[in-house]
């Protein structure tokens, strides 16, 4: 597994932990309680998907990109009382989105020299 995939998985893990922390410490109001709960469950699912990304499951990067986009869209509405951390979470989610898409598009392939099917022919 290459370093881009590991970095995308670690960034998704950091994004999920930050989202869990902010959704847990956010004071609930009557109007935004549902969005804070939504951010909590998005972060829980992103945590599980980020562990799959670190393990190396290829399609988990696509799921991490979708979940990071959902967290980036939900964070400004769910975190209404804080201005700095909400934008830090949005920025980290956008970085995870870009890294996950790049990791999903990059296929690990063997070069022609190290391919085991490239055997010398004596004849």
N, C-alpha and C. Protein backbone atom coordinates (compact mmCIF):
# COMPACT_ATOMS: atom_id res chain seq x y z
N UNK A 1 0.85 -1.17 0.00
CA UNK A 1 0.00 0.00 0.00
C UNK A 1 0.89 1.23 0.00
N UNK A 2 0.52 2.21 -0.78
CA UNK A 2 1.37 3.39 -0.91
C UNK A 2 1.05 4.43 0.16
N UNK A 3 1.89 5.43 0.23
CA UNK A 3 1.77 6.42 1.29
C UNK A 3 0.56 7.33 1.11
N UNK A 4 0.11 7.54 -0.13
CA UNK A 4 -1.07 8.37 -0.36
C UNK A 4 -2.31 7.73 0.27
N UNK A 5 -2.43 6.43 0.14
CA UNK A 5 -3.58 5.74 0.71
C UNK A 5 -3.53 5.74 2.24
N UNK A 6 -2.35 5.57 2.80
CA UNK A 6 -2.22 5.62 4.25
C UNK A 6 -2.51 7.03 4.76
N UNK A 7 -2.00 8.04 4.05
CA UNK A 7 -2.25 9.42 4.45
C UNK A 7 -3.73 9.77 4.36
N UNK A 8 -4.41 9.31 3.32
CA UNK A 8 -5.84 9.57 3.19
C UNK A 8 -6.62 8.89 4.32
N UNK A 9 -6.21 7.69 4.69
CA UNK A 9 -6.87 7.00 5.79
C UNK A 9 -6.64 7.69 7.13
N UNK A 10 -5.43 8.15 7.36
CA UNK A 10 -5.12 8.84 8.62
C UNK A 10 -5.84 10.19 8.68
N UNK A 11 -5.90 10.90 7.56
CA UNK A 11 -6.63 12.17 7.53
C UNK A 11 -8.13 11.95 7.78
N UNK A 12 -8.69 10.90 7.21
CA UNK A 12 -10.10 10.59 7.45
C UNK A 12 -10.32 10.22 8.91
N UNK A 13 -9.37 9.53 9.51
CA UNK A 13 -9.47 9.20 10.94
C UNK A 13 -9.43 10.46 11.78
N UNK A 14 -8.54 11.39 11.46
CA UNK A 14 -8.47 12.65 12.20
C UNK A 14 -9.74 13.47 12.02
N UNK A 15 -10.30 13.46 10.82
CA UNK A 15 -11.54 14.19 10.57
C UNK A 15 -12.69 13.60 11.37
N UNK A 16 -12.76 12.29 11.45
CA UNK A 16 -13.84 11.67 12.20
C UNK A 16 -13.70 11.92 13.69
N UNK A 17 -12.48 11.88 14.20
CA UNK A 17 -12.27 12.15 15.63
C UNK A 17 -12.61 13.60 15.95
N UNK A 18 -12.21 14.53 15.09
CA UNK A 18 -12.53 15.94 15.31
C UNK A 18 -14.03 16.18 15.23
N UNK A 19 -14.69 15.54 14.30
CA UNK A 19 -16.14 15.66 14.20
C UNK A 19 -16.85 15.07 15.41
N UNK A 20 -16.34 13.93 15.91
CA UNK A 20 -16.92 13.35 17.12
C UNK A 20 -16.72 14.26 18.32
N UNK A 21 -15.55 14.84 18.43
CA UNK A 21 -15.27 15.73 19.55
C UNK A 21 -16.17 16.95 19.53
N UNK A 22 -16.30 17.58 18.36
CA UNK A 22 -17.13 18.78 18.28
C UNK A 22 -18.61 18.47 18.47
N UNK A 23 -19.06 17.34 17.95
CA UNK A 23 -20.47 17.01 18.11
C UNK A 23 -20.77 16.60 19.56
N UNK A 24 -19.78 16.10 20.27
CA UNK A 24 -19.98 15.71 21.66
C UNK A 24 -19.94 16.93 22.58
N UNK A 25 -19.07 17.90 22.30
CA UNK A 25 -18.93 19.05 23.18
C UNK A 25 -19.83 20.22 22.79
N UNK A 26 -20.53 20.12 21.68
CA UNK A 26 -21.41 21.20 21.25
C UNK A 26 -22.63 21.27 22.15
N UNK A 27 -22.95 22.44 22.69
CA UNK A 27 -24.19 22.55 23.48
C UNK A 27 -25.41 22.42 22.57
N UNK A 28 -26.34 21.63 23.01
CA UNK A 28 -27.52 21.37 22.19
C UNK A 28 -28.51 22.53 22.31
N UNK A 29 -29.00 22.96 21.20
CA UNK A 29 -30.10 23.93 21.19
C UNK A 29 -31.29 23.24 20.54
N UNK A 30 -32.43 23.84 20.68
CA UNK A 30 -33.63 23.18 20.16
C UNK A 30 -33.66 23.18 18.63
N UNK A 31 -33.05 24.18 18.01
CA UNK A 31 -33.14 24.26 16.55
C UNK A 31 -32.07 23.43 15.85
N UNK A 32 -30.89 23.26 16.46
CA UNK A 32 -29.78 22.59 15.79
C UNK A 32 -29.41 21.26 16.43
N UNK A 33 -30.23 20.72 17.29
CA UNK A 33 -29.91 19.45 17.95
C UNK A 33 -29.87 18.30 16.94
N UNK A 34 -30.75 18.31 15.97
CA UNK A 34 -30.78 17.23 14.99
C UNK A 34 -29.53 17.26 14.12
N UNK A 35 -29.07 18.45 13.75
CA UNK A 35 -27.87 18.55 12.92
C UNK A 35 -26.62 18.14 13.68
N UNK A 36 -26.57 18.42 14.97
CA UNK A 36 -25.44 17.98 15.78
C UNK A 36 -25.43 16.46 15.92
N UNK A 37 -26.60 15.88 16.09
CA UNK A 37 -26.70 14.41 16.12
C UNK A 37 -26.34 13.79 14.78
N UNK A 38 -26.71 14.47 13.72
CA UNK A 38 -26.36 14.01 12.38
C UNK A 38 -24.85 14.05 12.18
N UNK A 39 -24.20 15.11 12.67
CA UNK A 39 -22.75 15.21 12.60
C UNK A 39 -22.09 14.10 13.41
N UNK A 40 -22.68 13.76 14.56
CA UNK A 40 -22.15 12.67 15.37
C UNK A 40 -22.18 11.35 14.61
N UNK A 41 -23.31 11.03 14.01
CA UNK A 41 -23.41 9.74 13.31
C UNK A 41 -22.60 9.72 12.02
N UNK A 42 -22.49 10.84 11.35
CA UNK A 42 -21.59 10.91 10.20
C UNK A 42 -20.15 10.64 10.61
N UNK A 43 -19.75 11.19 11.75
CA UNK A 43 -18.39 11.00 12.24
C UNK A 43 -18.14 9.56 12.67
N UNK A 44 -19.15 8.92 13.24
CA UNK A 44 -19.00 7.51 13.64
C UNK A 44 -18.80 6.63 12.40
N UNK A 45 -19.61 6.86 11.38
CA UNK A 45 -19.48 6.06 10.15
C UNK A 45 -18.16 6.36 9.47
N UNK A 46 -17.74 7.64 9.47
CA UNK A 46 -16.45 8.00 8.89
C UNK A 46 -15.30 7.37 9.65
N UNK A 47 -15.45 7.22 10.95
CA UNK A 47 -14.43 6.53 11.75
C UNK A 47 -14.27 5.09 11.30
N UNK A 48 -15.37 4.40 11.11
CA UNK A 48 -15.31 3.01 10.66
C UNK A 48 -14.74 2.90 9.24
N UNK A 49 -15.15 3.80 8.38
CA UNK A 49 -14.66 3.79 7.00
C UNK A 49 -13.17 4.15 6.95
N UNK A 50 -12.73 5.06 7.82
CA UNK A 50 -11.31 5.42 7.83
C UNK A 50 -10.44 4.25 8.29
N UNK A 51 -10.96 3.42 9.18
CA UNK A 51 -10.22 2.22 9.57
C UNK A 51 -10.11 1.25 8.40
N UNK A 52 -11.17 1.17 7.58
CA UNK A 52 -11.09 0.36 6.37
C UNK A 52 -10.11 0.95 5.37
N UNK A 53 -10.03 2.27 5.32
CA UNK A 53 -9.07 2.92 4.42
C UNK A 53 -7.64 2.62 4.86
N UNK A 54 -7.39 2.68 6.15
CA UNK A 54 -6.04 2.37 6.63
C UNK A 54 -5.71 0.91 6.37
N UNK A 55 -6.71 0.04 6.48
CA UNK A 55 -6.49 -1.38 6.19
C UNK A 55 -6.21 -1.62 4.71
N UNK A 56 -6.77 -0.77 3.84
CA UNK A 56 -6.45 -0.86 2.42
C UNK A 56 -7.59 -1.27 1.52
N UNK A 57 -8.83 -1.19 1.98
CA UNK A 57 -9.98 -1.51 1.14
C UNK A 57 -10.16 -0.39 0.13
N UNK A 58 -10.18 -0.73 -1.15
CA UNK A 58 -10.13 0.27 -2.21
C UNK A 58 -11.37 1.15 -2.25
N UNK A 59 -12.56 0.58 -2.19
CA UNK A 59 -13.79 1.36 -2.29
C UNK A 59 -14.13 2.12 -1.02
N UNK A 60 -13.40 1.90 0.04
CA UNK A 60 -13.61 2.68 1.27
C UNK A 60 -13.16 4.12 1.07
N UNK A 61 -12.24 4.37 0.16
CA UNK A 61 -11.81 5.74 -0.11
C UNK A 61 -12.92 6.55 -0.75
N UNK A 62 -13.71 5.93 -1.60
CA UNK A 62 -14.84 6.62 -2.21
C UNK A 62 -15.89 6.93 -1.14
N UNK A 63 -16.14 5.99 -0.24
CA UNK A 63 -17.08 6.23 0.85
C UNK A 63 -16.57 7.32 1.79
N UNK A 64 -15.27 7.34 2.03
CA UNK A 64 -14.69 8.39 2.89
C UNK A 64 -14.83 9.75 2.24
N UNK A 65 -14.70 9.83 0.92
CA UNK A 65 -14.86 11.11 0.23
C UNK A 65 -16.30 11.61 0.34
N UNK A 66 -17.25 10.72 0.18
CA UNK A 66 -18.66 11.11 0.28
C UNK A 66 -18.99 11.55 1.70
N UNK A 67 -18.51 10.80 2.69
CA UNK A 67 -18.77 11.16 4.08
C UNK A 67 -18.08 12.46 4.49
N UNK A 68 -16.87 12.68 3.98
CA UNK A 68 -16.18 13.93 4.28
C UNK A 68 -16.92 15.12 3.67
N UNK A 69 -17.48 14.94 2.49
CA UNK A 69 -18.28 16.01 1.88
C UNK A 69 -19.53 16.28 2.71
N UNK A 70 -20.15 15.23 3.24
CA UNK A 70 -21.33 15.41 4.08
C UNK A 70 -20.97 16.11 5.38
N UNK A 71 -19.83 15.78 5.97
CA UNK A 71 -19.39 16.45 7.20
C UNK A 71 -19.09 17.92 6.90
N UNK A 72 -18.45 18.19 5.76
CA UNK A 72 -18.14 19.58 5.41
C UNK A 72 -19.40 20.41 5.18
N UNK A 73 -20.44 19.79 4.67
CA UNK A 73 -21.70 20.51 4.47
C UNK A 73 -22.49 20.65 5.76
N UNK A 74 -22.36 19.71 6.69
CA UNK A 74 -23.15 19.73 7.92
C UNK A 74 -22.50 20.56 9.02
N UNK A 75 -21.19 20.67 9.03
CA UNK A 75 -20.49 21.32 10.14
C UNK A 75 -20.85 22.79 10.32
N UNK A 76 -20.97 23.60 9.28
CA UNK A 76 -21.32 25.00 9.53
C UNK A 76 -22.70 25.19 10.17
N UNK A 77 -23.61 24.27 9.93
CA UNK A 77 -24.94 24.38 10.52
C UNK A 77 -25.01 23.76 11.91
N UNK A 78 -24.25 22.69 12.13
CA UNK A 78 -24.30 22.00 13.41
C UNK A 78 -23.50 22.73 14.48
N UNK A 79 -22.41 23.36 14.11
CA UNK A 79 -21.54 24.03 15.07
C UNK A 79 -21.78 25.53 15.00
N UNK A 80 -22.89 25.97 15.52
CA UNK A 80 -23.26 27.37 15.37
C UNK A 80 -22.60 28.27 16.40
N UNK A 81 -22.21 27.74 17.52
CA UNK A 81 -21.70 28.59 18.59
C UNK A 81 -20.20 28.84 18.49
N UNK A 82 -19.52 28.15 17.63
CA UNK A 82 -18.07 28.30 17.50
C UNK A 82 -17.74 28.68 16.07
N UNK A 83 -16.87 29.63 15.93
CA UNK A 83 -16.53 30.03 14.57
C UNK A 83 -15.23 29.40 14.09
N UNK A 84 -14.20 29.34 14.94
CA UNK A 84 -12.91 28.80 14.53
C UNK A 84 -12.91 27.30 14.30
N UNK A 85 -13.36 26.51 15.28
CA UNK A 85 -13.34 25.05 15.08
C UNK A 85 -14.24 24.56 13.96
N UNK A 86 -15.33 25.26 13.73
CA UNK A 86 -16.22 24.80 12.66
C UNK A 86 -15.51 24.92 11.32
N UNK A 87 -14.76 25.97 11.10
CA UNK A 87 -14.07 26.12 9.82
C UNK A 87 -12.85 25.23 9.74
N UNK A 88 -12.25 24.89 10.89
CA UNK A 88 -11.15 23.92 10.89
C UNK A 88 -11.67 22.55 10.49
N UNK A 89 -12.85 22.18 10.98
CA UNK A 89 -13.45 20.90 10.61
C UNK A 89 -13.84 20.89 9.14
N UNK A 90 -14.35 21.99 8.64
CA UNK A 90 -14.72 22.07 7.22
C UNK A 90 -13.46 21.96 6.35
N UNK A 91 -12.40 22.66 6.74
CA UNK A 91 -11.15 22.62 5.97
C UNK A 91 -10.55 21.21 5.97
N UNK A 92 -10.54 20.56 7.15
CA UNK A 92 -10.01 19.19 7.22
C UNK A 92 -10.87 18.24 6.41
N UNK A 93 -12.17 18.44 6.40
CA UNK A 93 -13.06 17.58 5.60
C UNK A 93 -12.81 17.75 4.11
N UNK A 94 -12.53 18.97 3.68
CA UNK A 94 -12.23 19.19 2.27
C UNK A 94 -10.89 18.58 1.88
N UNK A 95 -9.91 18.62 2.79
CA UNK A 95 -8.62 17.96 2.54
C UNK A 95 -8.81 16.45 2.44
N UNK A 96 -9.65 15.89 3.32
CA UNK A 96 -9.94 14.45 3.27
C UNK A 96 -10.65 14.10 1.97
N UNK A 97 -11.55 14.97 1.52
CA UNK A 97 -12.24 14.74 0.26
C UNK A 97 -11.27 14.65 -0.90
N UNK A 98 -10.34 15.59 -0.99
CA UNK A 98 -9.37 15.59 -2.08
C UNK A 98 -8.42 14.39 -1.97
N UNK A 99 -7.93 14.11 -0.76
CA UNK A 99 -6.99 12.99 -0.58
C UNK A 99 -7.67 11.64 -0.85
N UNK A 100 -8.92 11.50 -0.46
CA UNK A 100 -9.62 10.23 -0.68
C UNK A 100 -9.91 10.00 -2.16
N UNK A 101 -10.27 11.05 -2.86
CA UNK A 101 -10.50 10.90 -4.30
C UNK A 101 -9.20 10.56 -5.01
N UNK A 102 -8.10 11.22 -4.60
CA UNK A 102 -6.80 10.91 -5.21
C UNK A 102 -6.36 9.49 -4.90
N UNK A 103 -6.61 9.03 -3.68
CA UNK A 103 -6.25 7.66 -3.32
C UNK A 103 -7.13 6.64 -4.02
N UNK A 104 -8.40 6.99 -4.25
CA UNK A 104 -9.29 6.07 -4.95
C UNK A 104 -8.91 5.95 -6.42
N UNK A 105 -8.50 7.05 -7.03
CA UNK A 105 -8.15 7.03 -8.45
C UNK A 105 -6.83 6.33 -8.72
N UNK A 106 -5.95 6.32 -7.74
CA UNK A 106 -4.63 5.73 -7.95
C UNK A 106 -4.68 4.23 -7.68
N UNK A 107 -4.44 3.48 -8.67
CA UNK A 107 -4.42 2.03 -8.55
C UNK A 107 -3.00 1.57 -8.25
N UNK A 108 -2.88 0.63 -7.35
CA UNK A 108 -1.57 0.03 -7.10
C UNK A 108 -1.35 -1.05 -8.16
N UNK A 109 -0.36 -0.84 -8.98
CA UNK A 109 -0.10 -1.81 -10.03
C UNK A 109 1.38 -2.17 -10.02
N UNK A 110 1.66 -3.34 -10.46
CA UNK A 110 3.03 -3.81 -10.54
C UNK A 110 3.67 -3.31 -11.82
N UNK A 111 4.90 -2.93 -11.71
CA UNK A 111 5.60 -2.53 -12.92
C UNK A 111 5.93 -3.77 -13.75
N UNK A 112 6.34 -3.55 -14.96
CA UNK A 112 6.62 -4.67 -15.84
C UNK A 112 7.85 -5.46 -15.38
N UNK A 113 8.76 -4.81 -14.71
CA UNK A 113 9.98 -5.48 -14.27
C UNK A 113 9.73 -6.41 -13.09
N UNK A 114 8.83 -6.04 -12.18
CA UNK A 114 8.61 -6.87 -10.99
C UNK A 114 7.38 -7.75 -11.10
N UNK A 115 6.73 -7.75 -12.23
CA UNK A 115 5.57 -8.59 -12.43
C UNK A 115 5.99 -10.06 -12.42
N UNK A 116 5.35 -10.89 -11.62
CA UNK A 116 5.75 -12.31 -11.58
C UNK A 116 5.45 -13.08 -12.86
N UNK A 117 4.59 -12.54 -13.71
CA UNK A 117 4.29 -13.21 -14.98
C UNK A 117 5.34 -12.89 -16.04
N UNK A 118 6.25 -12.02 -15.76
CA UNK A 118 7.28 -11.64 -16.70
C UNK A 118 8.51 -12.54 -16.46
N UNK A 119 8.41 -13.76 -16.90
CA UNK A 119 9.47 -14.74 -16.71
C UNK A 119 10.40 -14.76 -17.92
N UNK A 120 11.66 -15.03 -17.69
CA UNK A 120 12.56 -15.11 -18.84
C UNK A 120 12.23 -16.33 -19.71
N UNK A 121 12.37 -16.15 -20.98
CA UNK A 121 12.09 -17.22 -21.93
C UNK A 121 13.43 -17.68 -22.50
N UNK A 122 13.69 -18.96 -22.30
CA UNK A 122 14.92 -19.54 -22.84
C UNK A 122 14.51 -20.41 -24.02
N UNK A 123 15.10 -20.17 -25.13
CA UNK A 123 14.63 -20.96 -26.21
C UNK A 123 15.46 -21.13 -27.37
